[in-house]
């Protein structure tokens, strides 16, 4: 993320529980074979992306590019 977009994921970025995020209009689950909590909204989708955890940079970049494409299509 830092090399591609200048976003340092090691600084202030951290996972948040569903009760700690603002109310959302759109909910997207990344997939990755992980069960996400259900948050009922008008638009709720699961993109079914590969979980890049523990994989090489090439795999992370592939998933990042897939997310970028899907966000632009959204």
C-alpha atoms as a PDB file:
ATOM      1  CA  UNK A   1       0.000   0.000   0.000  1.00  0.00           C
ATOM      2  CA  UNK A   2       2.846   2.365   0.791  1.00  0.00           C
ATOM      3  CA  UNK A   3       4.688   1.721  -2.469  1.00  0.00           C
ATOM      4  CA  UNK A   4       1.511   1.849  -4.579  1.00  0.00           C
ATOM      5  CA  UNK A   5      -0.514   4.583  -2.858  1.00  0.00           C
ATOM      6  CA  UNK A   6       1.664   6.182  -0.181  1.00  0.00           C
ATOM      7  CA  UNK A   7      -0.461   4.668   2.624  1.00  0.00           C
ATOM      8  CA  UNK A   8       1.602   3.400   5.537  1.00  0.00           C
ATOM      9  CA  UNK A   9      -0.324   0.403   6.917  1.00  0.00           C
ATOM     10  CA  UNK A  10       2.156  -0.060   9.768  1.00  0.00           C
ATOM     11  CA  UNK A  11       1.547   3.296  11.438  1.00  0.00           C
ATOM     12  CA  UNK A  12      -1.982   4.162  12.591  1.00  0.00           C
ATOM     13  CA  UNK A  13      -3.916   1.493  10.691  1.00  0.00           C
ATOM     14  CA  UNK A  14      -5.608  -1.250  12.701  1.00  0.00           C
ATOM     15  CA  UNK A  15      -8.607  -3.571  12.519  1.00  0.00           C
ATOM     16  CA  UNK A  16     -11.833  -2.275  13.986  1.00  0.00           C
ATOM     17  CA  UNK A  17     -14.791  -4.233  15.298  1.00  0.00           C
ATOM     18  CA  UNK A  18     -18.155  -3.666  13.617  1.00  0.00           C
ATOM     19  CA  UNK A  19     -19.438  -1.696  16.619  1.00  0.00           C
ATOM     20  CA  UNK A  20     -16.510   0.755  16.341  1.00  0.00           C
ATOM     21  CA  UNK A  21     -17.041   1.877  12.735  1.00  0.00           C
ATOM     22  CA  UNK A  22     -19.468   4.571  11.554  1.00  0.00           C
ATOM     23  CA  UNK A  23     -22.810   3.520  10.083  1.00  0.00           C
ATOM     24  CA  UNK A  24     -22.321   2.409   6.490  1.00  0.00           C
ATOM     25  CA  UNK A  25     -24.459   2.748   3.361  1.00  0.00           C
ATOM     26  CA  UNK A  26     -22.579  -0.016   1.557  1.00  0.00           C
ATOM     27  CA  UNK A  27     -20.998  -3.119   3.080  1.00  0.00           C
ATOM     28  CA  UNK A  28     -18.405  -5.179   1.215  1.00  0.00           C
ATOM     29  CA  UNK A  29     -16.946  -8.403   2.586  1.00  0.00           C
ATOM     30  CA  UNK A  30     -13.590  -9.259   1.084  1.00  0.00           C
ATOM     31  CA  UNK A  31     -14.251 -12.985   1.128  1.00  0.00           C
ATOM     32  CA  UNK A  32     -10.930 -14.637   1.873  1.00  0.00           C
ATOM     33  CA  UNK A  33     -12.709 -17.647   3.339  1.00  0.00           C
ATOM     34  CA  UNK A  34     -13.349 -15.766   6.594  1.00  0.00           C
ATOM     35  CA  UNK A  35     -16.836 -15.513   8.088  1.00  0.00           C
ATOM     36  CA  UNK A  36     -17.710 -11.822   8.500  1.00  0.00           C
ATOM     37  CA  UNK A  37     -20.452 -10.474  10.729  1.00  0.00           C
ATOM     38  CA  UNK A  38     -23.692  -9.685   8.915  1.00  0.00           C
ATOM     39  CA  UNK A  39     -24.472  -5.974   8.695  1.00  0.00           C
ATOM     40  CA  UNK A  40     -27.836  -5.471   6.981  1.00  0.00           C
ATOM     41  CA  UNK A  41     -27.671  -2.677   4.413  1.00  0.00           C
ATOM     42  CA  UNK A  42     -29.260  -1.859   1.074  1.00  0.00           C
ATOM     43  CA  UNK A  43     -26.138  -3.103  -0.679  1.00  0.00           C
ATOM     44  CA  UNK A  44     -24.211  -6.000   0.840  1.00  0.00           C
ATOM     45  CA  UNK A  45     -21.734  -7.972  -1.271  1.00  0.00           C
ATOM     46  CA  UNK A  46     -18.965 -10.521  -0.849  1.00  0.00           C
ATOM     47  CA  UNK A  47     -16.151 -10.111  -3.363  1.00  0.00           C
ATOM     48  CA  UNK A  48     -14.647 -13.546  -2.651  1.00  0.00           C
ATOM     49  CA  UNK A  49     -11.047 -12.376  -2.850  1.00  0.00           C
ATOM     50  CA  UNK A  50      -8.019 -14.525  -2.087  1.00  0.00           C
ATOM     51  CA  UNK A  51      -6.529 -13.956   1.380  1.00  0.00           C
ATOM     52  CA  UNK A  52      -2.943 -12.812   0.746  1.00  0.00           C
ATOM     53  CA  UNK A  53      -1.858 -13.304   4.371  1.00  0.00           C
ATOM     54  CA  UNK A  54       1.561 -14.963   4.505  1.00  0.00           C
ATOM     55  CA  UNK A  55       2.023 -14.758   0.739  1.00  0.00           C
ATOM     56  CA  UNK A  56       4.521 -12.828  -1.367  1.00  0.00           C
ATOM     57  CA  UNK A  57       4.267  -9.183  -2.452  1.00  0.00           C
ATOM     58  CA  UNK A  58       3.098 -10.205  -5.926  1.00  0.00           C
ATOM     59  CA  UNK A  59       0.016 -11.869  -4.428  1.00  0.00           C
ATOM     60  CA  UNK A  60      -0.730  -8.814  -2.264  1.00  0.00           C
ATOM     61  CA  UNK A  61      -0.435  -6.529  -5.303  1.00  0.00           C
ATOM     62  CA  UNK A  62      -2.759  -8.807  -7.291  1.00  0.00           C
ATOM     63  CA  UNK A  63      -5.417  -8.581  -4.567  1.00  0.00           C
ATOM     64  CA  UNK A  64      -4.914  -4.813  -4.191  1.00  0.00           C
ATOM     65  CA  UNK A  65      -5.433  -4.366  -7.949  1.00  0.00           C
ATOM     66  CA  UNK A  66      -8.587  -6.523  -7.810  1.00  0.00           C
ATOM     67  CA  UNK A  67      -9.946  -4.346  -4.988  1.00  0.00           C
ATOM     68  CA  UNK A  68      -9.101  -1.188  -6.932  1.00  0.00           C
ATOM     69  CA  UNK A  69     -10.954  -2.465 -10.011  1.00  0.00           C
ATOM     70  CA  UNK A  70     -13.999  -3.548  -7.989  1.00  0.00           C
ATOM     71  CA  UNK A  71     -14.192  -0.222  -6.119  1.00  0.00           C
ATOM     72  CA  UNK A  72     -14.069   1.687  -9.417  1.00  0.00           C
ATOM     73  CA  UNK A  73     -16.834  -0.543 -10.838  1.00  0.00           C
ATOM     74  CA  UNK A  74     -18.921   0.058  -7.728  1.00  0.00           C
END
